[in-house]
Amino acid sequence: MTTYLDAILAAHRALAADDDRDVEWLIDQAGTAPPTRGFRRAIAESEGLAVIAEVKRRSPSKGDLFADLDPAVLAAAYEGGGATCLSVLTDVGHFGGSPADLATARAAVGVPVLRKDFTVSPLDVCDARLMGADAVLLIAAALDDGEMRHFAELARALTLDVLVEVHDEAELERALAIDADMVGVNQRDLVTFEVDTARAERVAPLIPPSVVRVAESGVRGPDDARRLADAGYDAVLVGESLVTAGDPGAAVEALRAVPARQVEG
């Protein structure tokens, strides 16, 4: 069965295949970019449950969420509500985002920013650094083991933090095999695009305590956030419910009031 992810990845891989920029030159350029802000560190040092608030214009399954949003205004509202970090969609064709959205949002705040996109080539990693991102997303379901390791090593060399997204236990094993120190468990099913709220709770106990744990998708409010914090997550990545909230700053503040997990030992 063809999934949403299949179609999106096919489009991104086609773009990557046509991109003839020299990767070594891009790596050199990325190496001269201003310092990153420490995405993982911000979550690890957060008091209370960390909130990664997302700038998201549309969804492939639901269409427009806030198509004409102002990234600077929304980012500032998130930061005002206490967001620990931001996530910005830069996919143009399926999510209506852009690199400009990330640059504009980051310039408006002082918190770290994740480039939320479909990384399929070393050029994508370099582009993330050049557009101002502090962290890059690697989706285990979209990459083979060699790609995932190579992109993670390149990102770290460019001082980008790496969020490895997994959907099940097998993908978690693959993420840990490349020494992932920050793992996101996406509760959204890749075939149906429906949210499976038991997924994150099932996978959480298998993530080592030293790894920063992020729960993604399906967080509709403080009750969901509290359940995930109780399951052991350090952070929640929240898009749709914040973007569509009448007062996104207040919605972030309500999530931030949830206590963080207690680290044993």
Protein backbone atom coordinates (compact mmCIF):
# COMPACT_ATOMS: atom_id res chain seq x y z
CA MET A 1 0.00 0.00 0.00
CA THR A 2 1.31 3.45 -0.95
CA THR A 3 1.51 5.78 2.05
CA TYR A 4 1.64 9.55 2.43
CA LEU A 5 5.31 9.14 3.27
CA ASP A 6 6.00 7.22 0.05
CA ALA A 7 4.69 10.05 -2.12
CA ILE A 8 6.51 12.74 -0.16
CA LEU A 9 9.80 10.83 -0.19
CA ALA A 10 9.54 10.16 -3.91
CA ALA A 11 9.21 13.89 -4.52
CA HIS A 12 12.15 14.74 -2.26
CA ARG A 13 14.40 12.05 -3.73
CA ALA A 14 13.60 13.27 -7.23
CA LEU A 15 14.60 16.80 -6.23
CA ALA A 16 17.79 15.49 -4.64
CA ALA A 17 18.66 13.53 -7.78
CA ASP A 18 18.41 16.72 -9.85
CA ASP A 19 20.47 18.80 -7.40
CA ASP A 20 23.95 19.13 -8.85
CA ARG A 21 25.45 21.41 -6.17
CA ASP A 22 28.85 20.36 -4.89
CA VAL A 23 28.45 18.83 -1.43
CA GLU A 24 32.01 19.59 -0.31
CA TRP A 25 31.55 23.26 -1.15
CA LEU A 26 28.27 23.31 0.77
CA ILE A 27 29.90 21.64 3.77
CA ASP A 28 32.57 24.35 3.75
CA GLN A 29 29.91 27.06 3.60
CA ALA A 30 27.87 25.46 6.37
CA GLY A 31 30.98 25.28 8.52
CA THR A 32 31.18 29.08 8.54
CA ALA A 33 27.58 29.61 9.67
CA PRO A 34 26.88 31.36 13.01
CA PRO A 35 26.83 29.18 16.16
CA THR A 36 23.85 26.95 16.83
CA ARG A 37 21.71 27.40 19.94
CA GLY A 38 21.75 23.90 21.41
CA PHE A 39 18.42 22.21 20.68
CA ARG A 40 19.04 19.04 22.68
CA ARG A 41 20.57 20.95 25.57
CA ALA A 42 17.52 23.22 25.83
CA ILE A 43 15.26 20.18 26.24
CA ALA A 44 17.60 18.38 28.65
CA GLU A 45 17.83 21.46 30.88
CA SER A 46 14.14 22.32 30.76
CA GLU A 47 12.21 22.74 33.99
CA GLY A 48 8.92 20.93 33.47
CA LEU A 49 7.95 19.16 30.28
CA ALA A 50 9.71 20.75 27.31
CA VAL A 51 7.49 21.93 24.46
CA ILE A 52 8.65 22.00 20.85
CA ALA A 53 6.07 24.28 19.23
CA GLU A 54 5.61 23.88 15.50
CA VAL A 55 5.14 26.42 12.74
CA LYS A 56 2.95 24.44 10.35
CA ARG A 57 0.79 25.85 7.57
CA ARG A 58 -0.90 22.70 6.30
CA SER A 59 -1.08 18.91 6.58
CA PRO A 60 -1.24 16.38 3.73
CA SER A 61 -4.15 14.63 5.43
CA LYS A 62 -6.11 17.66 6.72
CA GLY A 63 -5.25 20.42 4.28
CA ASP A 64 -4.77 24.01 5.39
CA LEU A 65 -4.36 24.59 9.12
CA PHE A 66 -3.17 28.21 9.08
CA ALA A 67 -2.07 28.82 5.51
CA ASP A 68 -1.41 32.56 5.85
CA LEU A 69 0.35 32.49 9.21
CA ASP A 70 3.16 34.96 9.90
CA PRO A 71 6.13 32.87 11.07
CA ALA A 72 7.60 35.71 13.12
CA VAL A 73 4.35 36.49 14.92
CA LEU A 74 3.57 32.84 15.64
CA ALA A 75 7.12 32.11 16.78
CA ALA A 76 7.07 35.08 19.14
CA ALA A 77 3.74 33.93 20.58
CA TYR A 78 5.16 30.47 21.17
CA GLU A 79 8.24 31.87 22.88
CA GLY A 80 6.06 34.17 24.97
CA GLY A 81 4.14 31.13 26.17
CA GLY A 82 7.34 29.43 27.25
CA ALA A 83 8.17 27.17 24.29
CA THR A 84 11.48 25.42 24.83
CA CYS A 85 12.20 25.08 21.11
CA LEU A 86 10.51 25.56 17.76
CA SER A 87 9.94 23.17 14.88
CA VAL A 88 9.42 24.71 11.44
CA LEU A 89 8.13 22.85 8.38
CA THR A 90 10.22 23.72 5.33
CA ASP A 91 8.58 21.27 2.89
CA VAL A 92 6.94 23.36 0.17
CA GLY A 93 4.81 20.95 -1.84
CA HIS A 94 3.07 18.97 0.89
CA PHE A 95 3.12 21.23 3.97
CA GLY A 96 3.21 24.71 2.46
CA GLY A 97 6.38 25.59 4.34
CA SER A 98 9.68 27.03 3.15
CA PRO A 99 13.24 27.75 4.24
CA ALA A 100 12.13 31.38 4.55
CA ASP A 101 9.60 30.33 7.20
CA LEU A 102 12.42 28.87 9.28
CA ALA A 103 14.74 31.85 8.85
CA THR A 104 11.95 34.29 9.69
CA ALA A 105 10.77 32.35 12.74
CA ARG A 106 14.28 31.89 14.11
CA ALA A 107 15.13 35.57 13.69
CA ALA A 108 12.10 36.47 15.82
CA VAL A 109 13.05 34.35 18.86
CA GLY A 110 15.99 33.25 20.96
CA VAL A 111 15.11 29.57 21.31
CA PRO A 112 16.58 26.76 19.17
CA VAL A 113 14.83 25.65 15.98
CA LEU A 114 14.42 22.24 14.33
CA ARG A 115 14.20 22.01 10.56
CA LYS A 116 11.18 19.71 10.14
CA ASP A 117 11.57 18.18 6.71
CA PHE A 118 12.40 14.98 4.87
CA THR A 119 16.18 14.66 4.88
CA VAL A 120 17.25 12.40 2.01
CA SER A 121 20.70 13.68 1.03
CA PRO A 122 23.80 15.34 2.51
CA LEU A 123 22.72 18.52 0.73
CA ASP A 124 19.60 18.61 2.92
CA VAL A 125 21.77 18.52 6.04
CA CYS A 126 23.94 21.36 4.77
CA ASP A 127 20.88 23.37 3.77
CA ALA A 128 19.46 22.99 7.27
CA ARG A 129 22.61 24.51 8.74
CA LEU A 130 22.75 27.28 6.15
CA MET A 131 19.13 28.35 6.64
CA GLY A 132 19.72 28.74 10.37
CA ALA A 133 18.44 25.50 11.88
CA ASP A 134 19.86 24.25 15.17
CA ALA A 135 18.71 20.65 14.67
CA VAL A 136 17.81 18.36 11.79
CA LEU A 137 15.23 15.57 11.58
CA LEU A 138 16.14 12.08 10.37
CA ILE A 139 13.15 9.80 9.82
CA ALA A 140 14.16 6.17 10.28
CA ALA A 141 11.37 4.92 8.01
CA ALA A 142 12.68 7.13 5.19
CA LEU A 143 16.35 6.13 5.32
CA ASP A 144 18.47 3.02 5.22
CA ASP A 145 21.04 2.41 7.94
CA GLY A 146 23.92 3.79 5.92
CA GLU A 147 22.10 7.00 5.06
CA MET A 148 20.97 7.52 8.62
CA ARG A 149 24.48 7.12 10.02
CA HIS A 150 26.09 9.28 7.32
CA PHE A 151 23.59 12.13 7.72
CA ALA A 152 23.83 12.00 11.51
CA GLU A 153 27.62 12.17 11.42
CA LEU A 154 27.55 15.06 8.95
CA ALA A 155 24.99 16.93 11.05
CA ARG A 156 27.09 16.54 14.19
CA ALA A 157 30.19 17.70 12.33
CA LEU A 158 28.25 20.85 11.41
CA THR A 159 27.18 21.26 15.11
CA LEU A 160 23.55 20.40 14.36
CA ASP A 161 21.67 18.32 16.88
CA VAL A 162 19.90 15.28 15.43
CA LEU A 163 16.35 14.19 16.22
CA VAL A 164 15.86 10.64 14.95
CA GLU A 165 12.18 9.89 14.42
CA VAL A 166 10.95 6.31 14.94
CA HIS A 167 7.57 4.62 14.83
CA ASP A 168 8.22 1.25 16.45
CA GLU A 169 10.66 -0.91 18.34
CA ALA A 170 12.61 -2.03 15.25
CA GLU A 171 13.22 1.56 14.17
CA LEU A 172 14.28 2.46 17.70
CA GLU A 173 16.95 -0.27 17.55
CA ARG A 174 18.23 1.24 14.31
CA ALA A 175 18.33 4.71 15.85
CA LEU A 176 20.27 3.52 18.88
CA ALA A 177 22.70 1.69 16.60
CA ILE A 178 23.85 5.07 15.21
CA ASP A 179 24.23 6.44 18.76
CA ALA A 180 21.18 8.68 18.59
CA ASP A 181 21.06 10.89 21.68
CA MET A 182 17.63 12.34 20.91
CA VAL A 183 14.75 10.17 19.70
CA GLY A 184 11.26 11.21 18.67
CA VAL A 185 8.48 8.64 18.74
CA ASN A 186 5.82 9.58 16.22
CA GLN A 187 2.38 8.39 17.24
CA ARG A 188 1.02 8.87 13.73
CA ASP A 189 0.64 5.70 11.66
CA LEU A 190 2.46 5.97 8.34
CA VAL A 191 -0.16 3.98 6.43
CA THR A 192 -3.41 5.47 7.71
CA PHE A 193 -2.01 8.77 9.08
CA GLU A 194 -4.17 8.16 12.13
CA VAL A 195 -2.76 8.69 15.63
CA ASP A 196 -2.04 5.62 17.75
CA THR A 197 -1.85 6.97 21.31
CA ALA A 198 -0.48 3.70 22.69
CA ARG A 199 2.58 3.74 20.44
CA ALA A 200 4.64 6.25 22.41
CA GLU A 201 3.83 4.63 25.73
CA ARG A 202 4.85 1.21 24.40
CA VAL A 203 8.20 2.37 23.00
CA ALA A 204 9.22 4.72 25.84
CA PRO A 205 10.54 2.07 28.28
CA LEU A 206 12.95 0.81 25.61
CA ILE A 207 14.70 4.18 25.21
CA PRO A 208 17.82 4.48 27.41
CA PRO A 209 17.62 7.15 30.14
CA SER A 210 20.56 9.03 28.64
CA VAL A 211 18.63 9.62 25.40
CA VAL A 212 16.39 12.68 25.23
CA ARG A 213 12.85 11.43 24.52
CA VAL A 214 10.40 13.38 22.37
CA ALA A 215 6.78 12.39 21.73
CA GLU A 216 5.41 13.57 18.39
CA SER A 217 1.88 13.94 16.97
CA GLY A 218 -1.51 13.64 18.62
CA VAL A 219 -0.91 16.02 21.53
CA ARG A 220 -4.20 17.91 21.80
CA GLY A 221 -3.70 19.49 25.21
CA PRO A 222 -2.33 19.16 28.75
CA ASP A 223 -3.98 15.79 29.40
CA ASP A 224 -2.16 14.18 26.46
CA ALA A 225 1.07 15.92 27.46
CA ARG A 226 0.75 14.71 31.06
CA ARG A 227 0.21 11.12 29.90
CA LEU A 228 3.35 11.30 27.79
CA ALA A 229 5.39 12.89 30.58
CA ASP A 230 4.25 10.10 32.88
CA ALA A 231 5.38 7.60 30.23
CA GLY A 232 8.88 9.06 30.42
CA TYR A 233 9.08 11.72 27.73
CA ASP A 234 11.19 14.84 28.16
CA ALA A 235 9.39 16.82 25.46
CA VAL A 236 6.35 16.92 23.24
CA LEU A 237 6.41 18.21 19.69
CA VAL A 238 3.08 19.88 19.00
CA GLY A 239 1.83 21.39 15.76
CA GLU A 240 -1.82 21.22 14.80
CA SER A 241 -3.39 21.96 18.19
CA LEU A 242 -1.12 24.99 18.70
CA VAL A 243 -1.40 26.39 15.18
CA THR A 244 -5.20 26.24 15.32
CA ALA A 245 -5.50 27.55 18.90
CA GLY A 246 -7.10 30.94 19.34
CA ASP A 247 -4.26 31.91 21.67
CA PRO A 248 -1.18 29.84 20.77
CA GLY A 249 0.90 31.40 23.52
CA ALA A 250 -1.60 30.40 26.18
CA ALA A 251 -1.84 26.91 24.66
CA VAL A 252 1.94 26.52 24.98
CA GLU A 253 1.83 27.82 28.53
CA ALA A 254 -0.74 25.18 29.47
CA LEU A 255 1.51 22.43 28.10
CA ARG A 256 4.55 23.84 29.86
CA ALA A 257 2.76 23.55 33.21
CA VAL A 258 3.00 19.75 32.97
CA PRO A 259 5.85 18.42 35.19
CA ALA A 260 8.78 16.71 33.51
CA ARG A 261 9.58 13.03 34.04
CA GLN A 262 11.54 12.17 37.16
CA VAL A 263 14.95 10.71 36.38
CA GLU A 264 15.72 7.70 38.56
CA GLY A 265 18.99 7.25 40.38
